[in-house]
């Protein structure tokens, strides 16, 4: 990553779903690049011990909070509390999500609602609460996490695809609406990347995993570090003139392989 080591110096960042998988790597990256405080928020704090222990190697502090992003009043209260305790909220990464593979004709309304509530509604509540704080302080940076199948579609994930398509539309809408407030809102859309959650929920069978890898022009999955690099860039002042953008990190997969493959 070519960001300066102090790219987030004096910045306070909050990452929803920040204790595992991609969220954990984003939290680490913010610490590595000098964040004054990184607030890790998720429904359970039992996964936060790892990042709290790692924080000892950095100057920044890690705060762990229990938060269900489906509860807008609780989100607003938690975000305001962060700003009060740390003096600001400069970066917010809306990473919390839920997903599982199921044929659309067998998807129950409860499963549809659960994914939409977390991935779409939860992302909006997080952005809205962060935006209110950032408006008062004169600006900030928000990064939402999307996926390429939001526009390509993919069998078995209609609930997640619909939610993430909404997240992308929301991101671009907020970017335009909040630009006069000096609040940047961008999106990172990963293709397949290595994480325990994805392994269990999306490609539990090695044969399925191999088939997905073969469909990627670069013939491999991304690492969480590679996806994190895009998030950190957009969150940082290095992207100070970038807003409403969707950065795709998928090895060229959504473009297809062409007639010669």
Protein backbone atom coordinates (compact mmCIF):
# COMPACT_ATOMS: atom_id res chain seq x y z
CA UNK A 1 0.00 0.00 0.00
CA UNK A 2 1.44 3.38 -1.01
CA UNK A 3 -0.37 5.46 1.59
CA UNK A 4 1.82 7.33 4.03
CA UNK A 5 2.27 5.64 7.39
CA UNK A 6 0.51 8.61 8.98
CA UNK A 7 -2.32 8.82 6.43
CA UNK A 8 -4.91 8.71 9.22
CA UNK A 9 -3.00 10.66 11.84
CA UNK A 10 -5.35 12.35 14.34
CA UNK A 11 -8.33 10.63 12.67
CA UNK A 12 -11.06 8.72 14.45
CA UNK A 13 -12.52 5.83 12.46
CA UNK A 14 -15.45 3.48 13.00
CA UNK A 15 -15.81 0.15 11.21
CA UNK A 16 -19.07 -1.79 11.41
CA UNK A 17 -18.48 -5.53 11.39
CA UNK A 18 -14.89 -4.59 12.19
CA UNK A 19 -13.84 -7.60 14.24
CA UNK A 20 -13.70 -10.38 11.63
CA UNK A 21 -12.86 -10.97 7.98
CA UNK A 22 -12.57 -7.88 5.81
CA UNK A 23 -13.67 -5.61 8.65
CA UNK A 24 -10.82 -6.84 10.83
CA UNK A 25 -8.28 -6.17 8.09
CA UNK A 26 -9.70 -2.67 7.56
CA UNK A 27 -9.44 -1.98 11.30
CA UNK A 28 -5.82 -3.17 11.24
CA UNK A 29 -5.06 -1.01 8.22
CA UNK A 30 -6.43 2.11 9.86
CA UNK A 31 -4.25 1.45 12.91
CA UNK A 32 -1.18 0.75 10.78
CA UNK A 33 -1.64 4.06 9.04
CA UNK A 34 -1.78 6.13 12.20
CA UNK A 35 -5.44 6.45 13.21
CA UNK A 36 -5.81 8.04 16.63
CA UNK A 37 -8.69 5.69 17.46
CA UNK A 38 -10.42 2.83 15.66
CA UNK A 39 -13.87 1.91 16.92
CA UNK A 40 -14.81 -1.68 16.12
CA UNK A 41 -18.59 -2.20 16.12
CA UNK A 42 -20.50 -5.44 15.70
CA UNK A 43 -23.34 -7.35 17.28
CA UNK A 44 -20.97 -9.42 19.40
CA UNK A 45 -17.73 -8.12 20.90
CA UNK A 46 -16.26 -11.58 21.45
CA UNK A 47 -14.38 -11.28 18.14
CA UNK A 48 -12.79 -7.96 19.09
CA UNK A 49 -10.13 -9.35 21.41
CA UNK A 50 -7.78 -10.00 18.51
CA UNK A 51 -7.69 -6.42 17.27
CA UNK A 52 -7.52 -5.06 20.82
CA UNK A 53 -4.39 -7.15 21.44
CA UNK A 54 -2.83 -6.08 18.15
CA UNK A 55 -3.44 -2.41 18.98
CA UNK A 56 -0.63 -2.56 21.54
CA UNK A 57 1.85 -2.47 18.65
CA UNK A 58 0.51 0.87 17.43
CA UNK A 59 0.05 4.35 18.85
CA UNK A 60 -3.68 4.36 18.18
CA UNK A 61 -6.37 3.06 20.51
CA UNK A 62 -9.05 0.48 19.77
CA UNK A 63 -12.52 0.78 21.24
CA UNK A 64 -14.89 -2.17 21.08
CA UNK A 65 -18.66 -1.61 21.05
CA UNK A 66 -21.63 -3.95 20.68
CA UNK A 67 -23.94 -2.64 17.96
CA UNK A 68 -26.73 -4.05 15.82
CA UNK A 69 -26.87 -1.84 12.71
CA UNK A 70 -30.52 -2.79 12.20
CA UNK A 71 -31.49 -0.55 15.12
CA UNK A 72 -31.33 3.09 13.91
CA UNK A 73 -31.76 4.74 17.31
CA UNK A 74 -29.01 2.60 18.78
CA UNK A 75 -26.73 3.33 15.81
CA UNK A 76 -27.27 7.06 16.21
CA UNK A 77 -26.62 6.90 19.95
CA UNK A 78 -23.46 4.83 19.50
CA UNK A 79 -22.01 7.06 16.78
CA UNK A 80 -22.69 10.23 18.78
CA UNK A 81 -21.01 8.59 21.76
CA UNK A 82 -17.89 7.89 19.70
CA UNK A 83 -17.67 11.51 18.57
CA UNK A 84 -18.13 12.74 22.13
CA UNK A 85 -15.49 10.43 23.60
CA UNK A 86 -12.88 10.89 20.89
CA UNK A 87 -13.62 14.40 19.69
CA UNK A 88 -14.65 13.57 16.13
CA UNK A 89 -15.72 10.88 13.69
CA UNK A 90 -13.59 11.31 10.56
CA UNK A 91 -13.92 7.95 8.79
CA UNK A 92 -16.78 5.45 8.77
CA UNK A 93 -16.68 2.13 6.94
CA UNK A 94 -20.10 0.47 6.55
CA UNK A 95 -18.94 -3.12 6.35
CA UNK A 96 -21.57 -5.05 8.35
CA UNK A 97 -23.47 -7.49 6.14
CA UNK A 98 -25.12 -10.88 6.00
CA UNK A 99 -25.34 -13.46 3.23
CA UNK A 100 -25.98 -17.11 2.46
CA UNK A 101 -26.63 -19.08 -0.70
CA UNK A 102 -30.18 -20.24 -1.38
CA UNK A 103 -32.21 -20.64 -4.61
CA UNK A 104 -34.55 -17.68 -4.91
CA UNK A 105 -37.67 -19.85 -5.06
CA UNK A 106 -36.75 -21.37 -1.70
CA UNK A 107 -35.76 -18.11 0.00
CA UNK A 108 -38.06 -17.43 2.94
CA UNK A 109 -39.30 -13.94 3.74
CA UNK A 110 -37.42 -14.06 7.04
CA UNK A 111 -34.11 -14.67 5.24
CA UNK A 112 -34.82 -11.92 2.69
CA UNK A 113 -35.65 -9.44 5.44
CA UNK A 114 -32.61 -10.34 7.55
CA UNK A 115 -30.14 -9.67 4.74
CA UNK A 116 -31.89 -6.51 3.52
CA UNK A 117 -32.11 -5.16 7.08
CA UNK A 118 -28.40 -5.68 7.77
CA UNK A 119 -26.75 -4.99 4.42
CA UNK A 120 -28.97 -2.19 3.07
CA UNK A 121 -30.92 -0.64 5.95
CA UNK A 122 -27.99 -1.04 8.35
CA UNK A 123 -25.63 0.62 5.88
CA UNK A 124 -28.03 3.54 5.50
CA UNK A 125 -28.50 3.99 9.24
CA UNK A 126 -24.71 3.96 9.66
CA UNK A 127 -24.18 6.47 6.86
CA UNK A 128 -26.96 8.72 8.12
CA UNK A 129 -25.62 8.80 11.68
CA UNK A 130 -22.05 9.37 10.52
CA UNK A 131 -23.22 12.05 8.09
CA UNK A 132 -24.97 14.02 10.83
CA UNK A 133 -21.77 14.12 12.88
CA UNK A 134 -19.57 14.91 9.88
CA UNK A 135 -21.85 17.77 8.86
CA UNK A 136 -21.35 19.42 12.25
CA UNK A 137 -17.58 18.99 12.21
CA UNK A 138 -17.10 20.19 8.63
CA UNK A 139 -16.58 16.96 6.70
CA UNK A 140 -15.49 13.36 6.70
CA UNK A 141 -15.15 10.23 4.61
CA UNK A 142 -17.51 7.26 4.32
CA UNK A 143 -16.82 4.00 2.51
CA UNK A 144 -19.53 1.42 1.90
CA UNK A 145 -18.83 -2.18 0.94
CA UNK A 146 -20.57 -3.58 -2.11
CA UNK A 147 -20.12 -6.48 -4.51
CA UNK A 148 -19.90 -6.92 -8.27
CA UNK A 149 -22.97 -9.16 -8.43
CA UNK A 150 -24.99 -6.07 -7.48
CA UNK A 151 -25.00 -5.36 -11.22
CA UNK A 152 -24.08 -8.69 -12.82
CA UNK A 153 -26.41 -10.83 -10.72
CA UNK A 154 -25.47 -14.26 -9.37
CA UNK A 155 -27.64 -17.30 -8.74
CA UNK A 156 -28.40 -18.03 -5.10
CA UNK A 157 -27.86 -14.58 -3.64
CA UNK A 158 -30.87 -12.56 -4.79
CA UNK A 159 -31.30 -11.06 -1.29
CA UNK A 160 -27.68 -9.92 -1.06
CA UNK A 161 -27.54 -8.74 -4.68
CA UNK A 162 -30.66 -6.60 -4.16
CA UNK A 163 -29.26 -5.18 -0.91
CA UNK A 164 -25.86 -4.36 -2.39
CA UNK A 165 -27.41 -2.78 -5.49
CA UNK A 166 -29.29 -0.55 -3.07
CA UNK A 167 -26.07 0.23 -1.22
CA UNK A 168 -24.41 1.36 -4.45
CA UNK A 169 -27.38 3.58 -5.38
CA UNK A 170 -27.42 4.96 -1.84
CA UNK A 171 -23.67 5.66 -1.96
CA UNK A 172 -23.91 7.68 -5.16
CA UNK A 173 -26.99 9.54 -3.98
CA UNK A 174 -25.39 10.53 -0.67
CA UNK A 175 -22.17 11.49 -2.45
CA UNK A 176 -24.01 14.06 -4.55
CA UNK A 177 -26.24 15.26 -1.71
CA UNK A 178 -23.43 15.58 0.83
CA UNK A 179 -20.63 16.89 -1.37
CA UNK A 180 -21.40 20.53 -0.38
CA UNK A 181 -20.89 19.43 3.24
CA UNK A 182 -17.38 18.14 2.44
CA UNK A 183 -18.49 14.57 3.13
CA UNK A 184 -17.18 12.06 0.62
CA UNK A 185 -19.05 8.77 0.14
CA UNK A 186 -17.51 5.96 -1.92
CA UNK A 187 -17.97 2.23 -2.47
CA UNK A 188 -15.62 -0.73 -2.82
CA UNK A 189 -17.02 -3.72 -4.72
CA UNK A 190 -14.96 -6.86 -4.18
CA UNK A 191 -15.28 -10.02 -6.17
CA UNK A 192 -14.49 -13.29 -4.38
CA UNK A 193 -11.88 -12.89 -1.65
CA UNK A 194 -10.49 -15.15 1.04
CA UNK A 195 -12.37 -15.06 4.35
CA UNK A 196 -13.74 -17.66 6.73
CA UNK A 197 -17.29 -16.33 6.41
CA UNK A 198 -17.30 -16.50 2.61
CA UNK A 199 -15.76 -19.96 2.70
CA UNK A 200 -18.57 -21.26 4.90
CA UNK A 201 -21.48 -19.44 3.29
CA UNK A 202 -20.63 -19.03 -0.40
CA UNK A 203 -18.20 -21.76 -1.50
CA UNK A 204 -18.11 -24.51 1.14
CA UNK A 205 -17.36 -27.11 -1.54
CA UNK A 206 -13.76 -27.10 -2.96
CA UNK A 207 -15.16 -27.89 -6.41
CA UNK A 208 -17.39 -24.80 -6.32
CA UNK A 209 -14.45 -22.71 -5.15
CA UNK A 210 -12.26 -23.98 -8.01
CA UNK A 211 -15.00 -23.22 -10.54
CA UNK A 212 -15.26 -19.65 -9.27
CA UNK A 213 -11.47 -19.18 -9.35
CA UNK A 214 -11.32 -20.45 -12.93
CA UNK A 215 -13.89 -17.82 -13.95
CA UNK A 216 -11.62 -15.01 -12.70
CA UNK A 217 -9.25 -13.75 -15.43
CA UNK A 218 -6.42 -13.47 -12.86
CA UNK A 219 -7.21 -17.07 -11.79
CA UNK A 220 -7.30 -16.44 -8.07
CA UNK A 221 -9.31 -14.85 -5.29
CA UNK A 222 -8.32 -11.51 -3.80
CA UNK A 223 -6.75 -11.29 -0.37
CA UNK A 224 -8.43 -9.23 2.32
CA UNK A 225 -5.35 -6.99 2.22
CA UNK A 226 -5.94 -6.19 -1.45
CA UNK A 227 -9.56 -5.23 -0.82
CA UNK A 228 -8.54 -3.25 2.25
CA UNK A 229 -6.03 -1.22 0.21
CA UNK A 230 -8.91 0.12 -1.92
CA UNK A 231 -10.97 0.95 1.18
CA UNK A 232 -8.08 2.78 2.86
CA UNK A 233 -7.33 4.78 -0.28
CA UNK A 234 -10.91 6.00 -0.61
CA UNK A 235 -11.14 6.75 3.12
CA UNK A 236 -7.93 8.77 3.13
CA UNK A 237 -7.09 12.29 2.04
CA UNK A 238 -5.23 10.74 -0.92
CA UNK A 239 -8.72 10.47 -2.47
CA UNK A 240 -9.78 13.97 -1.43
CA UNK A 241 -11.32 14.68 -4.87
CA UNK A 242 -13.03 11.29 -5.24
CA UNK A 243 -16.66 10.86 -4.27
CA UNK A 244 -19.54 8.73 -5.55
CA UNK A 245 -17.06 6.25 -6.99
CA UNK A 246 -17.25 2.46 -7.00
CA UNK A 247 -13.84 0.79 -7.03
CA UNK A 248 -14.00 -2.81 -8.25
CA UNK A 249 -11.48 -5.29 -6.82
CA UNK A 250 -12.24 -8.58 -8.56
CA UNK A 251 -9.36 -9.57 -10.84
CA UNK A 252 -11.43 -8.63 -13.89
CA UNK A 253 -14.10 -11.23 -13.16
CA UNK A 254 -17.17 -9.09 -13.85
CA UNK A 255 -15.84 -8.25 -17.33
CA UNK A 256 -15.95 -11.89 -18.41
CA UNK A 257 -13.19 -13.74 -20.24
CA UNK A 258 -14.12 -13.04 -23.82
CA UNK A 259 -14.48 -15.38 -26.80
CA UNK A 260 -10.91 -16.68 -26.62
CA UNK A 261 -11.34 -18.42 -23.24
